[in-house]
PDB file of all heavy atoms in Angstrom:
ATOM      1  N   LEU A   1      -4.195  14.668  -2.136  1.00  0.00           N
ATOM      2  CA  LEU A   1      -3.719  13.964  -0.949  1.00  0.00           C
ATOM      3  C   LEU A   1      -2.280  13.535  -1.153  1.00  0.00           C
ATOM      4  O   LEU A   1      -1.832  13.291  -2.287  1.00  0.00           O
ATOM      5  CB  LEU A   1      -4.573  12.727  -0.655  1.00  0.00           C
ATOM      6  CG  LEU A   1      -6.043  12.935  -0.283  1.00  0.00           C
ATOM      7  CD1 LEU A   1      -6.697  11.586   0.045  1.00  0.00           C
ATOM      8  CD2 LEU A   1      -6.200  13.892   0.888  1.00  0.00           C
ATOM      9  N   TYR A   2      -1.565  13.438  -0.037  1.00  0.00           N
ATOM     10  CA  TYR A   2      -0.199  12.905  -0.012  1.00  0.00           C
ATOM     11  C   TYR A   2      -0.212  11.719   0.942  1.00  0.00           C
ATOM     12  O   TYR A   2      -0.526  11.868   2.131  1.00  0.00           O
ATOM     13  CB  TYR A   2       0.775  13.982   0.479  1.00  0.00           C
ATOM     14  CG  TYR A   2       2.204  13.514   0.626  1.00  0.00           C
ATOM     15  CD1 TYR A   2       3.039  13.415  -0.475  1.00  0.00           C
ATOM     16  CD2 TYR A   2       2.716  13.188   1.881  1.00  0.00           C
ATOM     17  CE1 TYR A   2       4.356  12.995  -0.350  1.00  0.00           C
ATOM     18  CE2 TYR A   2       4.030  12.764   2.022  1.00  0.00           C
ATOM     19  CZ  TYR A   2       4.848  12.675   0.902  1.00  0.00           C
ATOM     20  OH  TYR A   2       6.145  12.247   1.037  1.00  0.00           O
ATOM     21  N   ILE A   3       0.102  10.547   0.438  1.00  0.00           N
ATOM     22  CA  ILE A   3       0.038   9.330   1.240  1.00  0.00           C
ATOM     23  C   ILE A   3       1.314   9.199   2.065  1.00  0.00           C
ATOM     24  O   ILE A   3       2.418   9.145   1.529  1.00  0.00           O
ATOM     25  CB  ILE A   3      -0.141   8.083   0.349  1.00  0.00           C
ATOM     26  CG1 ILE A   3      -1.400   8.233  -0.518  1.00  0.00           C
ATOM     27  CG2 ILE A   3      -0.231   6.829   1.215  1.00  0.00           C
ATOM     28  CD1 ILE A   3      -2.682   8.427   0.257  1.00  0.00           C
ATOM     29  N   ILE A   4       1.145   9.165   3.383  1.00  0.00           N
ATOM     30  CA  ILE A   4       2.276   9.022   4.307  1.00  0.00           C
ATOM     31  C   ILE A   4       2.383   7.596   4.818  1.00  0.00           C
ATOM     32  O   ILE A   4       3.449   6.986   4.776  1.00  0.00           O
ATOM     33  CB  ILE A   4       2.132   9.999   5.487  1.00  0.00           C
ATOM     34  CG1 ILE A   4       2.157  11.451   4.986  1.00  0.00           C
ATOM     35  CG2 ILE A   4       3.245   9.765   6.517  1.00  0.00           C
ATOM     36  CD1 ILE A   4       1.833  12.476   6.060  1.00  0.00           C
ATOM     37  N   ASP A   5       1.278   7.048   5.286  1.00  0.00           N
ATOM     38  CA  ASP A   5       1.286   5.728   5.932  1.00  0.00           C
ATOM     39  C   ASP A   5       0.157   4.866   5.354  1.00  0.00           C
ATOM     40  O   ASP A   5      -0.938   4.797   5.938  1.00  0.00           O
ATOM     41  CB  ASP A   5       1.115   5.892   7.442  1.00  0.00           C
ATOM     42  CG  ASP A   5       1.160   4.570   8.198  1.00  0.00           C
ATOM     43  OD1 ASP A   5       1.308   3.510   7.552  1.00  0.00           O
ATOM     44  OD2 ASP A   5       1.028   4.602   9.440  1.00  0.00           O
ATOM     45  N   PRO A   6       0.390   4.200   4.223  1.00  0.00           N
ATOM     46  CA  PRO A   6      -0.683   3.392   3.623  1.00  0.00           C
ATOM     47  C   PRO A   6      -1.139   2.247   4.520  1.00  0.00           C
ATOM     48  O   PRO A   6      -2.322   1.891   4.516  1.00  0.00           O
ATOM     49  CB  PRO A   6      -0.066   2.890   2.320  1.00  0.00           C
ATOM     50  CG  PRO A   6       1.417   3.007   2.512  1.00  0.00           C
ATOM     51  CD  PRO A   6       1.617   4.179   3.392  1.00  0.00           C
ATOM     52  N   ARG A   7      -0.211   1.666   5.291  1.00  0.00           N
ATOM     53  CA  ARG A   7      -0.603   0.597   6.204  1.00  0.00           C
ATOM     54  C   ARG A   7      -1.599   1.120   7.244  1.00  0.00           C
ATOM     55  O   ARG A   7      -2.600   0.480   7.545  1.00  0.00           O
ATOM     56  CB  ARG A   7       0.636   0.041   6.900  1.00  0.00           C
ATOM     57  CG  ARG A   7       0.405  -1.045   7.951  1.00  0.00           C
ATOM     58  CD  ARG A   7      -0.029  -2.367   7.337  1.00  0.00           C
ATOM     59  NE  ARG A   7      -1.476  -2.496   7.219  1.00  0.00           N
ATOM     60  CZ  ARG A   7      -2.064  -3.246   6.297  1.00  0.00           C
ATOM     61  NH1 ARG A   7      -1.355  -3.922   5.410  1.00  0.00           N
ATOM     62  NH2 ARG A   7      -3.383  -3.317   6.238  1.00  0.00           N
ATOM     63  N   GLY A   8      -1.316   2.295   7.777  1.00  0.00           N
ATOM     64  CA  GLY A   8      -2.216   2.891   8.750  1.00  0.00           C
ATOM     65  C   GLY A   8      -3.572   3.220   8.159  1.00  0.00           C
ATOM     66  O   GLY A   8      -4.608   3.088   8.828  1.00  0.00           O
ATOM     67  N   ILE A   9      -3.594   3.672   6.896  1.00  0.00           N
ATOM     68  CA  ILE A   9      -4.859   3.985   6.228  1.00  0.00           C
ATOM     69  C   ILE A   9      -5.694   2.716   6.059  1.00  0.00           C
ATOM     70  O   ILE A   9      -6.895   2.695   6.381  1.00  0.00           O
ATOM     71  CB  ILE A   9      -4.590   4.649   4.862  1.00  0.00           C
ATOM     72  CG1 ILE A   9      -3.963   6.024   5.064  1.00  0.00           C
ATOM     73  CG2 ILE A   9      -5.884   4.752   4.045  1.00  0.00           C
ATOM     74  CD1 ILE A   9      -3.454   6.670   3.788  1.00  0.00           C
ATOM     75  N   LEU A  10      -5.084   1.647   5.581  1.00  0.00           N
ATOM     76  CA  LEU A  10      -5.814   0.392   5.395  1.00  0.00           C
ATOM     77  C   LEU A  10      -6.320  -0.146   6.731  1.00  0.00           C
ATOM     78  O   LEU A  10      -7.453  -0.629   6.833  1.00  0.00           O
ATOM     79  CB  LEU A  10      -4.913  -0.628   4.704  1.00  0.00           C
ATOM     80  CG  LEU A  10      -4.541  -0.318   3.250  1.00  0.00           C
ATOM     81  CD1 LEU A  10      -3.470  -1.281   2.758  1.00  0.00           C
ATOM     82  CD2 LEU A  10      -5.769  -0.380   2.345  1.00  0.00           C
ATOM     83  N   ASP A  11      -5.497  -0.040   7.764  1.00  0.00           N
ATOM     84  CA  ASP A  11      -5.922  -0.507   9.095  1.00  0.00           C
ATOM     85  C   ASP A  11      -7.113   0.294   9.595  1.00  0.00           C
ATOM     86  O   ASP A  11      -8.034  -0.251  10.224  1.00  0.00           O
ATOM     87  CB  ASP A  11      -4.770  -0.398  10.090  1.00  0.00           C
ATOM     88  CG  ASP A  11      -3.689  -1.454   9.855  1.00  0.00           C
ATOM     89  OD1 ASP A  11      -3.967  -2.431   9.141  1.00  0.00           O
ATOM     90  OD2 ASP A  11      -2.573  -1.271  10.382  1.00  0.00           O
ATOM     91  N   ALA A  12      -7.113   1.604   9.333  1.00  0.00           N
ATOM     92  CA  ALA A  12      -8.209   2.449   9.786  1.00  0.00           C
ATOM     93  C   ALA A  12      -9.535   2.015   9.176  1.00  0.00           C
ATOM     94  O   ALA A  12     -10.591   2.125   9.808  1.00  0.00           O
ATOM     95  CB  ALA A  12      -7.926   3.911   9.442  1.00  0.00           C
ATOM     96  N   PHE A  13      -9.493   1.510   7.944  1.00  0.00           N
ATOM     97  CA  PHE A  13     -10.700   1.051   7.268  1.00  0.00           C
ATOM     98  C   PHE A  13     -10.963  -0.441   7.498  1.00  0.00           C
ATOM     99  O   PHE A  13     -11.876  -1.004   6.911  1.00  0.00           O
ATOM    100  CB  PHE A  13     -10.612   1.331   5.771  1.00  0.00           C
ATOM    101  CG  PHE A  13     -10.874   2.765   5.395  1.00  0.00           C
ATOM    102  CD1 PHE A  13      -9.829   3.667   5.276  1.00  0.00           C
ATOM    103  CD2 PHE A  13     -12.170   3.208   5.179  1.00  0.00           C
ATOM    104  CE1 PHE A  13     -10.069   4.995   4.933  1.00  0.00           C
ATOM    105  CE2 PHE A  13     -12.426   4.532   4.832  1.00  0.00           C
ATOM    106  CZ  PHE A  13     -11.372   5.434   4.711  1.00  0.00           C
ATOM    107  N   GLY A  14     -10.146  -1.068   8.349  1.00  0.00           N
ATOM    108  CA  GLY A  14     -10.353  -2.473   8.659  1.00  0.00           C
ATOM    109  C   GLY A  14      -9.949  -3.420   7.553  1.00  0.00           C
ATOM    110  O   GLY A  14     -10.447  -4.553   7.491  1.00  0.00           O
ATOM    111  N   ILE A  15      -9.033  -2.998   6.689  1.00  0.00           N
ATOM    112  CA  ILE A  15      -8.563  -3.846   5.588  1.00  0.00           C
ATOM    113  C   ILE A  15      -7.211  -4.421   5.991  1.00  0.00           C
ATOM    114  O   ILE A  15      -6.186  -3.734   5.946  1.00  0.00           O
ATOM    115  CB  ILE A  15      -8.442  -3.045   4.277  1.00  0.00           C
ATOM    116  CG1 ILE A  15      -9.798  -2.433   3.908  1.00  0.00           C
ATOM    117  CG2 ILE A  15      -7.927  -3.931   3.148  1.00  0.00           C
ATOM    118  CD1 ILE A  15      -9.751  -1.496   2.729  1.00  0.00           C
ATOM    119  N   ASP A  16      -7.195  -5.685   6.416  1.00  0.00           N
ATOM    120  CA  ASP A  16      -5.966  -6.269   6.942  1.00  0.00           C
ATOM    121  C   ASP A  16      -5.377  -7.351   6.056  1.00  0.00           C
ATOM    122  O   ASP A  16      -4.364  -7.968   6.427  1.00  0.00           O
ATOM    123  CB  ASP A  16      -6.215  -6.833   8.347  1.00  0.00           C
ATOM    124  CG  ASP A  16      -7.344  -7.860   8.374  1.00  0.00           C
ATOM    125  OD1 ASP A  16      -7.834  -8.250   7.295  1.00  0.00           O
ATOM    126  OD2 ASP A  16      -7.740  -8.252   9.490  1.00  0.00           O
ATOM    127  N   ASP A  17      -5.986  -7.582   4.878  1.00  0.00           N
ATOM    128  CA  ASP A  17      -5.464  -8.651   4.022  1.00  0.00           C
ATOM    129  C   ASP A  17      -4.645  -8.118   2.848  1.00  0.00           C
ATOM    130  O   ASP A  17      -4.336  -8.846   1.916  1.00  0.00           O
ATOM    131  CB  ASP A  17      -6.608  -9.531   3.496  1.00  0.00           C
ATOM    132  CG  ASP A  17      -7.615  -8.761   2.648  1.00  0.00           C
ATOM    133  OD1 ASP A  17      -7.603  -7.508   2.697  1.00  0.00           O
ATOM    134  OD2 ASP A  17      -8.410  -9.413   1.938  1.00  0.00           O
ATOM    135  N   ILE A  18      -4.288  -6.821   2.887  1.00  0.00           N
ATOM    136  CA  ILE A  18      -3.404  -6.229   1.877  1.00  0.00           C
ATOM    137  C   ILE A  18      -2.097  -5.864   2.548  1.00  0.00           C
ATOM    138  O   ILE A  18      -2.069  -5.088   3.511  1.00  0.00           O
ATOM    139  CB  ILE A  18      -4.031  -4.985   1.225  1.00  0.00           C
ATOM    140  CG1 ILE A  18      -5.323  -5.343   0.482  1.00  0.00           C
ATOM    141  CG2 ILE A  18      -3.036  -4.321   0.268  1.00  0.00           C
ATOM    142  CD1 ILE A  18      -6.034  -4.149  -0.127  1.00  0.00           C
ATOM    143  N   ALA A  19      -1.009  -6.448   2.063  1.00  0.00           N
ATOM    144  CA  ALA A  19       0.325  -6.135   2.584  1.00  0.00           C
ATOM    145  C   ALA A  19       0.926  -4.985   1.782  1.00  0.00           C
ATOM    146  O   ALA A  19       0.710  -4.881   0.570  1.00  0.00           O
ATOM    147  CB  ALA A  19       1.221  -7.370   2.497  1.00  0.00           C
ATOM    148  N   VAL A  20       1.695  -4.112   2.469  1.00  0.00           N
ATOM    149  CA  VAL A  20       2.298  -2.948   1.818  1.00  0.00           C
ATOM    150  C   VAL A  20       3.767  -2.873   2.188  1.00  0.00           C
ATOM    151  O   VAL A  20       4.122  -2.941   3.366  1.00  0.00           O
ATOM    152  CB  VAL A  20       1.608  -1.634   2.235  1.00  0.00           C
ATOM    153  CG1 VAL A  20       2.202  -0.455   1.469  1.00  0.00           C
ATOM    154  CG2 VAL A  20       0.108  -1.709   2.015  1.00  0.00           C
ATOM    155  N   THR A  21       4.616  -2.722   1.171  1.00  0.00           N
ATOM    156  CA  THR A  21       6.041  -2.467   1.404  1.00  0.00           C
ATOM    157  C   THR A  21       6.466  -1.288   0.544  1.00  0.00           C
ATOM    158  O   THR A  21       5.876  -1.027  -0.508  1.00  0.00           O
ATOM    159  CB  THR A  21       6.903  -3.691   1.066  1.00  0.00           C
ATOM    160  OG1 THR A  21       6.697  -4.054  -0.311  1.00  0.00           O
ATOM    161  CG2 THR A  21       6.552  -4.869   1.959  1.00  0.00           C
ATOM    162  N   GLU A  22       7.488  -0.571   1.003  1.00  0.00           N
ATOM    163  CA  GLU A  22       7.989   0.591   0.270  1.00  0.00           C
ATOM    164  C   GLU A  22       9.480   0.446   0.042  1.00  0.00           C
ATOM    165  O   GLU A  22      10.244   0.085   0.951  1.00  0.00           O
ATOM    166  CB  GLU A  22       7.724   1.890   1.048  1.00  0.00           C
ATOM    167  CG  GLU A  22       8.265   3.126   0.350  1.00  0.00           C
ATOM    168  CD  GLU A  22       8.083   4.405   1.162  1.00  0.00           C
ATOM    169  OE1 GLU A  22       7.542   4.311   2.289  1.00  0.00           O
ATOM    170  OE2 GLU A  22       8.505   5.478   0.685  1.00  0.00           O
ATOM    171  N   THR A  23       9.926   0.727  -1.176  1.00  0.00           N
ATOM    172  CA  THR A  23      11.340   0.721  -1.532  1.00  0.00           C
ATOM    173  C   THR A  23      11.622   1.913  -2.418  1.00  0.00           C
ATOM    174  O   THR A  23      11.109   2.004  -3.544  1.00  0.00           O
ATOM    175  CB  THR A  23      11.729  -0.574  -2.270  1.00  0.00           C
ATOM    176  OG1 THR A  23      11.372  -1.708  -1.473  1.00  0.00           O
ATOM    177  CG2 THR A  23      13.227  -0.606  -2.546  1.00  0.00           C
ATOM    178  N   ASP A  24      12.418   2.859  -1.905  1.00  0.00           N
ATOM    179  CA  ASP A  24      12.833   4.029  -2.682  1.00  0.00           C
ATOM    180  C   ASP A  24      11.647   4.770  -3.292  1.00  0.00           C
ATOM    181  O   ASP A  24      11.664   5.177  -4.464  1.00  0.00           O
ATOM    182  CB  ASP A  24      13.804   3.623  -3.795  1.00  0.00           C
ATOM    183  CG  ASP A  24      15.099   3.032  -3.254  1.00  0.00           C
ATOM    184  OD1 ASP A  24      15.522   3.450  -2.163  1.00  0.00           O
ATOM    185  OD2 ASP A  24      15.664   2.150  -3.923  1.00  0.00           O
ATOM    186  N   GLY A  25      10.605   4.972  -2.511  1.00  0.00           N
ATOM    187  CA  GLY A  25       9.464   5.736  -2.983  1.00  0.00           C
ATOM    188  C   GLY A  25       8.479   4.976  -3.840  1.00  0.00           C
ATOM    189  O   GLY A  25       7.482   5.545  -4.297  1.00  0.00           O
ATOM    190  N   GLN A  26       8.730   3.703  -4.071  1.00  0.00           N
ATOM    191  CA  GLN A  26       7.806   2.841  -4.804  1.00  0.00           C
ATOM    192  C   GLN A  26       7.138   1.891  -3.816  1.00  0.00           C
ATOM    193  O   GLN A  26       7.780   1.400  -2.880  1.00  0.00           O
ATOM    194  CB  GLN A  26       8.545   2.057  -5.890  1.00  0.00           C
ATOM    195  CG  GLN A  26       9.094   2.924  -7.024  1.00  0.00           C
ATOM    196  CD  GLN A  26       7.984   3.501  -7.892  1.00  0.00           C
ATOM    197  OE1 GLN A  26       7.104   2.772  -8.337  1.00  0.00           O
ATOM    198  NE2 GLN A  26       8.051   4.806  -8.145  1.00  0.00           N
ATOM    199  N   PHE A  27       5.871   1.625  -4.040  1.00  0.00           N
ATOM    200  CA  PHE A  27       5.085   0.827  -3.108  1.00  0.00           C
ATOM    201  C   PHE A  27       4.622  -0.454  -3.789  1.00  0.00           C
ATOM    202  O   PHE A  27       4.172  -0.431  -4.938  1.00  0.00           O
ATOM    203  CB  PHE A  27       3.882   1.617  -2.620  1.00  0.00           C
ATOM    204  CG  PHE A  27       4.240   2.847  -1.835  1.00  0.00           C
ATOM    205  CD1 PHE A  27       4.546   4.038  -2.486  1.00  0.00           C
ATOM    206  CD2 PHE A  27       4.281   2.809  -0.449  1.00  0.00           C
ATOM    207  CE1 PHE A  27       4.880   5.168  -1.765  1.00  0.00           C
ATOM    208  CE2 PHE A  27       4.618   3.935   0.277  1.00  0.00           C
ATOM    209  CZ  PHE A  27       4.921   5.116  -0.383  1.00  0.00           C
ATOM    210  N   THR A  28       4.732  -1.558  -3.060  1.00  0.00           N
ATOM    211  CA  THR A  28       4.230  -2.848  -3.527  1.00  0.00           C
ATOM    212  C   THR A  28       3.085  -3.277  -2.626  1.00  0.00           C
ATOM    213  O   THR A  28       3.244  -3.357  -1.403  1.00  0.00           O
ATOM    214  CB  THR A  28       5.331  -3.918  -3.510  1.00  0.00           C
ATOM    215  OG1 THR A  28       6.408  -3.503  -4.353  1.00  0.00           O
ATOM    216  CG2 THR A  28       4.786  -5.248  -4.018  1.00  0.00           C
ATOM    217  N   LEU A  29       1.933  -3.516  -3.240  1.00  0.00           N
ATOM    218  CA  LEU A  29       0.760  -3.984  -2.514  1.00  0.00           C
ATOM    219  C   LEU A  29       0.480  -5.417  -2.942  1.00  0.00           C
ATOM    220  O   LEU A  29       0.459  -5.723  -4.138  1.00  0.00           O
ATOM    221  CB  LEU A  29      -0.462  -3.109  -2.806  1.00  0.00           C
ATOM    222  CG  LEU A  29      -0.554  -1.771  -2.050  1.00  0.00           C
ATOM    223  CD1 LEU A  29       0.506  -0.796  -2.538  1.00  0.00           C
ATOM    224  CD2 LEU A  29      -1.942  -1.162  -2.196  1.00  0.00           C
ATOM    225  N   THR A  30       0.262  -6.277  -1.962  1.00  0.00           N
ATOM    226  CA  THR A  30       0.042  -7.699  -2.240  1.00  0.00           C
ATOM    227  C   THR A  30      -1.200  -8.171  -1.508  1.00  0.00           C
ATOM    228  O   THR A  30      -1.399  -7.864  -0.322  1.00  0.00           O
ATOM    229  CB  THR A  30       1.250  -8.540  -1.788  1.00  0.00           C
ATOM    230  OG1 THR A  30       2.427  -8.040  -2.419  1.00  0.00           O
ATOM    231  CG2 THR A  30       1.046 -10.002  -2.146  1.00  0.00           C
ATOM    232  N   ARG A  31      -2.015  -8.906  -2.246  1.00  0.00           N
ATOM    233  CA  ARG A  31      -3.219  -9.504  -1.666  1.00  0.00           C
ATOM    234  C   ARG A  31      -3.386 -10.891  -2.271  1.00  0.00           C
ATOM    235  O   ARG A  31      -3.599 -11.019  -3.472  1.00  0.00           O
ATOM    236  CB  ARG A  31      -4.444  -8.649  -1.958  1.00  0.00           C
ATOM    237  CG  ARG A  31      -5.699  -9.072  -1.194  1.00  0.00           C
ATOM    238  CD  ARG A  31      -6.893  -8.344  -1.742  1.00  0.00           C
ATOM    239  NE  ARG A  31      -8.024  -8.326  -0.829  1.00  0.00           N
ATOM    240  CZ  ARG A  31      -9.265  -8.077  -1.212  1.00  0.00           C
ATOM    241  NH1 ARG A  31      -9.534  -7.819  -2.502  1.00  0.00           N
ATOM    242  NH2 ARG A  31     -10.251  -8.074  -0.332  1.00  0.00           N
ATOM    243  N   ASN A  32      -3.251 -11.899  -1.443  1.00  0.00           N
ATOM    244  CA  ASN A  32      -3.260 -13.286  -1.919  1.00  0.00           C
ATOM    245  C   ASN A  32      -2.185 -13.445  -2.995  1.00  0.00           C
ATOM    246  O   ASN A  32      -1.025 -13.159  -2.744  1.00  0.00           O
ATOM    247  CB  ASN A  32      -4.649 -13.673  -2.415  1.00  0.00           C
ATOM    248  CG  ASN A  32      -5.698 -13.580  -1.317  1.00  0.00           C
ATOM    249  OD1 ASN A  32      -5.407 -13.877  -0.157  1.00  0.00           O
ATOM    250  ND2 ASN A  32      -6.899 -13.159  -1.671  1.00  0.00           N
ATOM    251  N   ASP A  33      -2.546 -13.821  -4.210  1.00  0.00           N
ATOM    252  CA  ASP A  33      -1.557 -14.019  -5.273  1.00  0.00           C
ATOM    253  C   ASP A  33      -1.448 -12.809  -6.193  1.00  0.00           C
ATOM    254  O   ASP A  33      -0.722 -12.839  -7.188  1.00  0.00           O
ATOM    255  CB  ASP A  33      -1.935 -15.253  -6.117  1.00  0.00           C
ATOM    256  CG  ASP A  33      -1.881 -16.540  -5.317  1.00  0.00           C
ATOM    257  OD1 ASP A  33      -1.039 -16.620  -4.397  1.00  0.00           O
ATOM    258  OD2 ASP A  33      -2.686 -17.452  -5.596  1.00  0.00           O
ATOM    259  N   ASP A  34      -2.147 -11.744  -5.858  1.00  0.00           N
ATOM    260  CA  ASP A  34      -2.155 -10.548  -6.707  1.00  0.00           C
ATOM    261  C   ASP A  34      -1.216  -9.505  -6.116  1.00  0.00           C
ATOM    262  O   ASP A  34      -1.223  -9.267  -4.902  1.00  0.00           O
ATOM    263  CB  ASP A  34      -3.577 -10.000  -6.799  1.00  0.00           C
ATOM    264  CG  ASP A  34      -3.751  -9.036  -7.963  1.00  0.00           C
ATOM    265  OD1 ASP A  34      -2.800  -8.874  -8.750  1.00  0.00           O
ATOM    266  OD2 ASP A  34      -4.847  -8.450  -8.072  1.00  0.00           O
ATOM    267  N   SER A  35      -0.429  -8.859  -6.976  1.00  0.00           N
ATOM    268  CA  SER A  35       0.533  -7.870  -6.507  1.00  0.00           C
ATOM    269  C   SER A  35       0.658  -6.750  -7.534  1.00  0.00           C
ATOM    270  O   SER A  35       0.601  -6.993  -8.744  1.00  0.00           O
ATOM    271  CB  SER A  35       1.907  -8.516  -6.274  1.00  0.00           C
ATOM    272  OG  SER A  35       2.833  -7.577  -5.778  1.00  0.00           O
ATOM    273  N   VAL A  36       0.812  -5.501  -7.035  1.00  0.00           N
ATOM    274  CA  VAL A  36       1.001  -4.350  -7.921  1.00  0.00           C
ATOM    275  C   VAL A  36       2.104  -3.473  -7.365  1.00  0.00           C
ATOM    276  O   VAL A  36       2.333  -3.418  -6.156  1.00  0.00           O
ATOM    277  CB  VAL A  36      -0.298  -3.525  -8.072  1.00  0.00           C
ATOM    278  CG1 VAL A  36      -1.381  -4.330  -8.774  1.00  0.00           C
ATOM    279  CG2 VAL A  36      -0.792  -3.012  -6.722  1.00  0.00           C
ATOM    280  N   ASN A  37       2.802  -2.767  -8.254  1.00  0.00           N
ATOM    281  CA  ASN A  37       3.843  -1.811  -7.892  1.00  0.00           C
ATOM    282  C   ASN A  37       3.411  -0.431  -8.376  1.00  0.00           C
ATOM    283  O   ASN A  37       3.087  -0.254  -9.565  1.00  0.00           O
ATOM    284  CB  ASN A  37       5.184  -2.188  -8.533  1.00  0.00           C
ATOM    285  CG  ASN A  37       5.690  -3.524  -8.045  1.00  0.00           C
ATOM    286  OD1 ASN A  37       5.871  -3.731  -6.847  1.00  0.00           O
ATOM    287  ND2 ASN A  37       5.909  -4.451  -8.971  1.00  0.00           N
ATOM    288  N   VAL A  38       3.412   0.547  -7.482  1.00  0.00           N
ATOM    289  CA  VAL A  38       2.908   1.872  -7.826  1.00  0.00           C
ATOM    290  C   VAL A  38       3.783   2.954  -7.208  1.00  0.00           C
ATOM    291  O   VAL A  38       4.471   2.728  -6.209  1.00  0.00           O
ATOM    292  CB  VAL A  38       1.452   2.058  -7.341  1.00  0.00           C
ATOM    293  CG1 VAL A  38       0.496   1.154  -8.105  1.00  0.00           C
ATOM    294  CG2 VAL A  38       1.336   1.809  -5.836  1.00  0.00           C
ATOM    295  N   SER A  39       3.722   4.146  -7.815  1.00  0.00           N
ATOM    296  CA  SER A  39       4.359   5.318  -7.228  1.00  0.00           C
ATOM    297  C   SER A  39       3.477   5.863  -6.111  1.00  0.00           C
ATOM    298  O   SER A  39       2.349   5.412  -5.907  1.00  0.00           O
ATOM    299  CB  SER A  39       4.550   6.393  -8.305  1.00  0.00           C
ATOM    300  OG  SER A  39       3.284   6.855  -8.756  1.00  0.00           O
ATOM    301  N   ARG A  40       3.963   6.873  -5.403  1.00  0.00           N
ATOM    302  CA  ARG A  40       3.173   7.462  -4.333  1.00  0.00           C
ATOM    303  C   ARG A  40       1.890   8.103  -4.888  1.00  0.00           C
ATOM    304  O   ARG A  40       0.812   7.987  -4.293  1.00  0.00           O
ATOM    305  CB  ARG A  40       3.991   8.509  -3.571  1.00  0.00           C
ATOM    306  CG  ARG A  40       3.329   8.948  -2.255  1.00  0.00           C
ATOM    307  CD  ARG A  40       4.169   9.999  -1.550  1.00  0.00           C
ATOM    308  NE  ARG A  40       5.495   9.521  -1.248  1.00  0.00           N
ATOM    309  CZ  ARG A  40       5.835   8.843  -0.153  1.00  0.00           C
ATOM    310  NH1 ARG A  40       4.908   8.542   0.740  1.00  0.00           N
ATOM    311  NH2 ARG A  40       7.081   8.468   0.044  1.00  0.00           N
ATOM    312  N   GLN A  41       1.997   8.777  -6.036  1.00  0.00           N
ATOM    313  CA  GLN A  41       0.813   9.379  -6.635  1.00  0.00           C
ATOM    314  C   GLN A  41      -0.170   8.308  -7.096  1.00  0.00           C
ATOM    315  O   GLN A  41      -1.393   8.440  -6.914  1.00  0.00           O
ATOM    316  CB  GLN A  41       1.211  10.271  -7.820  1.00  0.00           C
ATOM    317  CG  GLN A  41       2.016  11.507  -7.437  1.00  0.00           C
ATOM    318  CD  GLN A  41       3.516  11.263  -7.463  1.00  0.00           C
ATOM    319  OE1 GLN A  41       3.986  10.143  -7.240  1.00  0.00           O
ATOM    320  NE2 GLN A  41       4.284  12.312  -7.749  1.00  0.00           N
ATOM    321  N   GLU A  42       0.321   7.237  -7.706  1.00  0.00           N
ATOM    322  CA  GLU A  42      -0.560   6.147  -8.127  1.00  0.00           C
ATOM    323  C   GLU A  42      -1.197   5.461  -6.923  1.00  0.00           C
ATOM    324  O   GLU A  42      -2.354   5.015  -6.992  1.00  0.00           O
ATOM    325  CB  GLU A  42       0.221   5.138  -8.966  1.00  0.00           C
ATOM    326  CG  GLU A  42       0.635   5.662 -10.325  1.00  0.00           C
ATOM    327  CD  GLU A  42       1.612   4.735 -11.031  1.00  0.00           C
ATOM    328  OE1 GLU A  42       2.356   3.999 -10.330  1.00  0.00           O
ATOM    329  OE2 GLU A  42       1.647   4.752 -12.281  1.00  0.00           O
ATOM    330  N   LEU A  43      -0.471   5.400  -5.826  1.00  0.00           N
ATOM    331  CA  LEU A  43      -1.021   4.818  -4.605  1.00  0.00           C
ATOM    332  C   LEU A  43      -2.208   5.637  -4.102  1.00  0.00           C
ATOM    333  O   LEU A  43      -3.221   5.075  -3.649  1.00  0.00           O
ATOM    334  CB  LEU A  43       0.063   4.743  -3.528  1.00  0.00           C
ATOM    335  CG  LEU A  43      -0.351   4.175  -2.171  1.00  0.00           C
ATOM    336  CD1 LEU A  43      -0.857   2.744  -2.313  1.00  0.00           C
ATOM    337  CD2 LEU A  43       0.815   4.236  -1.192  1.00  0.00           C
TER     338      LEU A  43
END
């Protein structure tokens, strides 16, 4: 798979408490006080 729109994917599954931002091909996912930084493949 190639992830194009992670926000749209999470919304499709009804997951609205995970925030997603992208900077230069790296993605930051945040949920409450937990946060991770991943590449597109890791995402």
